[in-house]
């Protein structure tokens, strides 16, 4: 992840890599969307789906594993960010955050 700053907004680009640079062992769950099974990694599918990923080779290089949450510019106001923050807080009380 490489941040770029532009007036009024934050942007990012991915750094070129053969492995996922945001990977933290045991944080994300293996899903059919982030699984590296299609790039040749040895993964017993689907038995490992839903389990925490412990090896960076299990996931695709550019899978979002850290819970990125993005909204359009219309939500980038003080009042609307308060609404979003409260909605996220309430959702987290019902279900723990899951990184997958």
N, C-alpha and C. Protein backbone atom coordinates (compact mmCIF):
# COMPACT_ATOMS: atom_id res chain seq x y z
N UNK A 1 0.84 -1.16 0.00
CA UNK A 1 0.00 0.00 0.00
C UNK A 1 0.88 1.23 0.00
N UNK A 2 0.63 2.11 -0.92
CA UNK A 2 1.42 3.33 -1.02
C UNK A 2 0.48 4.54 -1.08
N UNK A 3 0.39 5.30 0.01
CA UNK A 3 -0.56 6.42 0.01
C UNK A 3 -0.12 7.54 -0.93
N UNK A 4 -1.09 8.17 -1.54
CA UNK A 4 -0.87 9.37 -2.33
C UNK A 4 -1.82 10.42 -1.78
N UNK A 5 -1.37 11.63 -1.68
CA UNK A 5 -2.25 12.67 -1.17
C UNK A 5 -2.62 13.63 -2.29
N UNK A 6 -3.90 13.85 -2.44
CA UNK A 6 -4.42 14.81 -3.39
C UNK A 6 -5.30 15.77 -2.61
N UNK A 7 -5.46 16.98 -3.07
CA UNK A 7 -6.31 17.92 -2.31
C UNK A 7 -7.70 17.34 -2.06
N UNK A 8 -8.10 17.22 -0.79
CA UNK A 8 -9.43 16.78 -0.45
C UNK A 8 -9.68 15.29 -0.44
N UNK A 9 -8.68 14.49 -0.78
CA UNK A 9 -8.92 13.04 -0.77
C UNK A 9 -7.61 12.28 -0.60
N UNK A 10 -7.74 11.09 -0.06
CA UNK A 10 -6.60 10.20 0.08
C UNK A 10 -6.77 9.07 -0.91
N UNK A 11 -5.72 8.73 -1.62
CA UNK A 11 -5.75 7.66 -2.60
C UNK A 11 -4.62 6.69 -2.28
N UNK A 12 -4.67 5.53 -2.87
CA UNK A 12 -3.60 4.57 -2.67
C UNK A 12 -3.41 3.75 -3.93
N UNK A 13 -2.26 3.14 -4.03
CA UNK A 13 -1.98 2.17 -5.08
C UNK A 13 -1.28 0.99 -4.42
N UNK A 14 -1.39 -0.17 -5.04
CA UNK A 14 -0.69 -1.34 -4.53
C UNK A 14 0.74 -1.35 -5.05
N UNK A 15 1.68 -1.74 -4.21
CA UNK A 15 3.04 -1.94 -4.66
C UNK A 15 3.10 -3.29 -5.38
N UNK A 16 3.88 -3.38 -6.43
CA UNK A 16 4.03 -4.64 -7.16
C UNK A 16 4.70 -5.67 -6.25
N UNK A 17 4.10 -6.86 -6.17
CA UNK A 17 4.63 -7.90 -5.29
C UNK A 17 4.07 -9.26 -5.69
N UNK A 18 4.83 -10.29 -5.42
CA UNK A 18 4.34 -11.65 -5.67
C UNK A 18 3.60 -12.21 -4.46
N UNK A 19 3.70 -11.52 -3.32
CA UNK A 19 2.98 -11.93 -2.12
C UNK A 19 2.19 -10.76 -1.58
N UNK A 20 1.23 -11.03 -0.72
CA UNK A 20 0.37 -10.00 -0.15
C UNK A 20 1.15 -9.22 0.92
N UNK A 21 1.36 -7.93 0.66
CA UNK A 21 2.16 -7.11 1.56
C UNK A 21 1.41 -6.68 2.82
N UNK A 22 0.09 -6.87 2.84
CA UNK A 22 -0.71 -6.54 4.02
C UNK A 22 -0.94 -7.74 4.93
N UNK A 23 -0.35 -8.87 4.61
CA UNK A 23 -0.61 -10.11 5.33
C UNK A 23 -0.09 -10.08 6.76
N UNK A 24 -0.93 -10.55 7.68
CA UNK A 24 -0.56 -10.78 9.08
C UNK A 24 -1.05 -12.18 9.43
N UNK A 25 -0.17 -13.09 9.83
CA UNK A 25 -0.58 -14.46 10.13
C UNK A 25 -1.70 -14.52 11.16
N UNK A 26 -2.72 -15.33 10.85
CA UNK A 26 -3.81 -15.56 11.78
C UNK A 26 -4.86 -14.46 11.86
N UNK A 27 -4.79 -13.45 10.99
CA UNK A 27 -5.75 -12.36 11.07
C UNK A 27 -6.92 -12.55 10.10
N UNK A 28 -6.65 -12.93 8.86
CA UNK A 28 -7.70 -13.07 7.86
C UNK A 28 -8.19 -14.51 7.77
N UNK A 29 -9.43 -14.64 7.31
CA UNK A 29 -10.00 -15.96 7.06
C UNK A 29 -9.83 -16.30 5.59
N UNK A 30 -9.57 -17.55 5.28
CA UNK A 30 -9.44 -17.99 3.90
C UNK A 30 -10.82 -18.10 3.28
N UNK A 31 -11.01 -17.46 2.13
CA UNK A 31 -12.27 -17.51 1.42
C UNK A 31 -12.03 -17.89 -0.04
N UNK A 32 -13.10 -18.20 -0.75
CA UNK A 32 -12.94 -18.51 -2.16
C UNK A 32 -12.48 -17.29 -2.95
N UNK A 33 -12.63 -16.11 -2.39
CA UNK A 33 -12.23 -14.88 -3.07
C UNK A 33 -10.77 -14.52 -2.87
N UNK A 34 -10.20 -14.84 -1.70
CA UNK A 34 -8.81 -14.48 -1.45
C UNK A 34 -7.84 -15.65 -1.56
N UNK A 35 -8.35 -16.85 -1.73
CA UNK A 35 -7.52 -18.04 -1.79
C UNK A 35 -6.61 -18.05 -3.01
N UNK A 36 -5.37 -18.44 -2.79
CA UNK A 36 -4.38 -18.51 -3.86
C UNK A 36 -4.41 -19.86 -4.57
N UNK A 37 -5.44 -20.66 -4.34
CA UNK A 37 -5.50 -21.99 -4.93
C UNK A 37 -5.31 -21.93 -6.44
N UNK A 38 -5.77 -20.88 -7.07
CA UNK A 38 -5.66 -20.76 -8.51
C UNK A 38 -4.29 -20.32 -8.98
N UNK A 39 -3.41 -19.92 -8.09
CA UNK A 39 -2.06 -19.53 -8.50
C UNK A 39 -1.03 -20.62 -8.19
N UNK A 40 -1.50 -21.79 -7.80
CA UNK A 40 -0.61 -22.92 -7.62
C UNK A 40 -0.22 -23.25 -6.20
N UNK A 41 -0.68 -22.50 -5.22
CA UNK A 41 -0.36 -22.82 -3.83
C UNK A 41 -1.04 -24.12 -3.45
N UNK A 42 -0.44 -24.84 -2.52
CA UNK A 42 -1.02 -26.11 -2.09
C UNK A 42 -2.04 -25.83 -0.99
N UNK A 43 -3.30 -25.88 -1.37
CA UNK A 43 -4.38 -25.64 -0.42
C UNK A 43 -5.42 -26.73 -0.62
N UNK A 44 -5.81 -27.36 0.45
CA UNK A 44 -6.85 -28.38 0.38
C UNK A 44 -8.19 -27.68 0.40
N UNK A 45 -8.77 -27.47 -0.77
CA UNK A 45 -10.06 -26.79 -0.86
C UNK A 45 -11.16 -27.81 -0.88
N UNK A 46 -12.32 -27.59 -0.34
CA UNK A 46 -12.69 -26.41 0.43
C UNK A 46 -12.48 -26.57 1.93
N UNK A 47 -11.74 -27.59 2.36
CA UNK A 47 -11.63 -27.86 3.79
C UNK A 47 -11.00 -26.71 4.58
N UNK A 48 -10.14 -25.92 3.96
CA UNK A 48 -9.51 -24.82 4.69
C UNK A 48 -10.29 -23.52 4.61
N UNK A 49 -11.34 -23.48 3.82
CA UNK A 49 -12.15 -22.26 3.75
C UNK A 49 -12.73 -21.96 5.13
N UNK A 50 -12.70 -20.70 5.52
CA UNK A 50 -13.22 -20.31 6.82
C UNK A 50 -12.20 -20.42 7.94
N UNK A 51 -11.03 -20.97 7.65
CA UNK A 51 -9.97 -21.06 8.66
C UNK A 51 -9.06 -19.84 8.55
N UNK A 52 -8.41 -19.49 9.65
CA UNK A 52 -7.47 -18.37 9.62
C UNK A 52 -6.25 -18.73 8.78
N UNK A 53 -5.81 -17.76 8.00
CA UNK A 53 -4.66 -17.94 7.12
C UNK A 53 -3.39 -17.75 7.93
N UNK A 54 -2.48 -18.73 7.85
CA UNK A 54 -1.23 -18.62 8.59
C UNK A 54 -0.01 -18.46 7.69
N UNK A 55 -0.18 -18.70 6.39
CA UNK A 55 0.93 -18.62 5.44
C UNK A 55 0.55 -17.68 4.30
N UNK A 56 1.37 -16.70 4.03
CA UNK A 56 1.10 -15.73 2.98
C UNK A 56 0.88 -16.38 1.62
N UNK A 57 1.43 -17.55 1.41
CA UNK A 57 1.26 -18.25 0.13
C UNK A 57 -0.17 -18.76 -0.07
N UNK A 58 -0.97 -18.74 0.98
CA UNK A 58 -2.36 -19.20 0.88
C UNK A 58 -3.27 -18.17 0.23
N UNK A 59 -2.85 -16.91 0.17
CA UNK A 59 -3.71 -15.84 -0.34
C UNK A 59 -3.13 -15.18 -1.58
N UNK A 60 -4.03 -14.62 -2.38
CA UNK A 60 -3.62 -13.89 -3.58
C UNK A 60 -2.85 -12.63 -3.18
N UNK A 61 -1.91 -12.22 -4.03
CA UNK A 61 -1.08 -11.07 -3.70
C UNK A 61 -1.84 -9.77 -3.45
N UNK A 62 -2.94 -9.56 -4.14
CA UNK A 62 -3.64 -8.28 -4.01
C UNK A 62 -5.00 -8.40 -3.34
N UNK A 63 -5.23 -9.49 -2.63
CA UNK A 63 -6.48 -9.62 -1.87
C UNK A 63 -6.49 -8.61 -0.74
N UNK A 64 -7.63 -8.02 -0.49
CA UNK A 64 -7.77 -7.09 0.62
C UNK A 64 -7.98 -7.90 1.89
N UNK A 65 -6.98 -7.93 2.74
CA UNK A 65 -7.04 -8.73 3.96
C UNK A 65 -7.20 -7.89 5.22
N UNK A 66 -7.15 -6.59 5.09
CA UNK A 66 -7.15 -5.74 6.29
C UNK A 66 -8.41 -4.94 6.50
N UNK A 67 -9.48 -5.32 5.85
CA UNK A 67 -10.75 -4.69 6.12
C UNK A 67 -10.92 -3.29 5.57
N UNK A 68 -10.46 -3.04 4.37
CA UNK A 68 -10.65 -1.74 3.74
C UNK A 68 -12.14 -1.42 3.62
N UNK A 69 -12.49 -0.24 3.99
CA UNK A 69 -13.86 0.23 3.89
C UNK A 69 -13.80 1.58 3.19
N UNK A 70 -14.43 1.68 2.03
CA UNK A 70 -14.36 2.92 1.25
C UNK A 70 -15.75 3.42 0.91
N UNK A 71 -15.89 4.73 0.94
CA UNK A 71 -17.15 5.38 0.60
C UNK A 71 -16.87 6.51 -0.37
N UNK A 72 -17.89 6.87 -1.14
CA UNK A 72 -17.77 7.96 -2.10
C UNK A 72 -17.64 9.31 -1.43
N UNK A 73 -17.31 10.30 -2.24
CA UNK A 73 -17.10 11.65 -1.73
C UNK A 73 -18.30 12.22 -1.00
N UNK A 74 -19.51 11.82 -1.40
CA UNK A 74 -20.71 12.36 -0.75
C UNK A 74 -20.78 12.00 0.72
N UNK A 75 -20.07 10.96 1.13
CA UNK A 75 -20.06 10.55 2.54
C UNK A 75 -18.89 11.17 3.30
N UNK A 76 -18.06 11.93 2.64
CA UNK A 76 -16.88 12.50 3.28
C UNK A 76 -17.18 13.89 3.87
N UNK A 77 -18.14 13.91 4.77
CA UNK A 77 -18.46 15.12 5.54
C UNK A 77 -18.43 14.73 7.00
N UNK A 78 -18.28 15.71 7.86
CA UNK A 78 -18.22 15.43 9.30
C UNK A 78 -19.48 14.70 9.76
N UNK A 79 -20.64 15.18 9.38
CA UNK A 79 -21.90 14.57 9.82
C UNK A 79 -22.07 13.16 9.27
N UNK A 80 -21.80 12.95 8.01
CA UNK A 80 -21.99 11.60 7.44
C UNK A 80 -20.96 10.61 7.97
N UNK A 81 -19.74 11.06 8.26
CA UNK A 81 -18.76 10.16 8.88
C UNK A 81 -19.22 9.74 10.27
N UNK A 82 -19.89 10.63 10.99
CA UNK A 82 -20.46 10.27 12.30
C UNK A 82 -21.51 9.18 12.14
N UNK A 83 -22.36 9.32 11.12
CA UNK A 83 -23.40 8.31 10.85
C UNK A 83 -22.74 6.97 10.54
N UNK A 84 -21.73 6.98 9.68
CA UNK A 84 -21.03 5.74 9.32
C UNK A 84 -20.34 5.11 10.53
N UNK A 85 -19.68 5.93 11.32
CA UNK A 85 -18.97 5.43 12.50
C UNK A 85 -19.95 4.74 13.46
N UNK A 86 -21.10 5.36 13.66
CA UNK A 86 -22.11 4.78 14.56
C UNK A 86 -22.66 3.47 14.00
N UNK A 87 -22.91 3.43 12.69
CA UNK A 87 -23.40 2.20 12.07
C UNK A 87 -22.37 1.08 12.20
N UNK A 88 -21.10 1.40 12.01
CA UNK A 88 -20.04 0.40 12.15
C UNK A 88 -19.93 -0.07 13.61
N UNK A 89 -20.05 0.84 14.54
CA UNK A 89 -19.99 0.48 15.97
C UNK A 89 -21.11 -0.48 16.32
N UNK A 90 -22.33 -0.19 15.85
CA UNK A 90 -23.47 -1.05 16.14
C UNK A 90 -23.29 -2.42 15.48
N UNK A 91 -22.80 -2.44 14.26
CA UNK A 91 -22.58 -3.73 13.59
C UNK A 91 -21.53 -4.55 14.32
N UNK A 92 -20.47 -3.90 14.81
CA UNK A 92 -19.41 -4.61 15.54
C UNK A 92 -19.91 -5.17 16.86
N UNK A 93 -20.91 -4.54 17.46
CA UNK A 93 -21.49 -5.07 18.69
C UNK A 93 -22.29 -6.34 18.43
N UNK A 94 -22.91 -6.42 17.26
CA UNK A 94 -23.70 -7.61 16.91
C UNK A 94 -22.82 -8.76 16.45
N UNK A 95 -21.79 -8.44 15.67
CA UNK A 95 -20.88 -9.46 15.13
C UNK A 95 -19.46 -8.91 15.16
N UNK A 96 -18.56 -9.66 15.73
CA UNK A 96 -17.16 -9.22 15.77
C UNK A 96 -16.65 -8.99 14.35
N UNK A 97 -15.76 -8.00 14.17
CA UNK A 97 -15.19 -7.79 12.84
C UNK A 97 -14.49 -9.05 12.33
N UNK A 98 -14.59 -9.29 11.05
CA UNK A 98 -13.96 -10.45 10.42
C UNK A 98 -13.14 -9.98 9.23
N UNK A 99 -11.90 -10.37 9.20
CA UNK A 99 -11.02 -9.99 8.10
C UNK A 99 -10.94 -11.16 7.13
N UNK A 100 -11.60 -11.01 6.01
CA UNK A 100 -11.54 -12.09 5.02
C UNK A 100 -11.54 -11.49 3.64
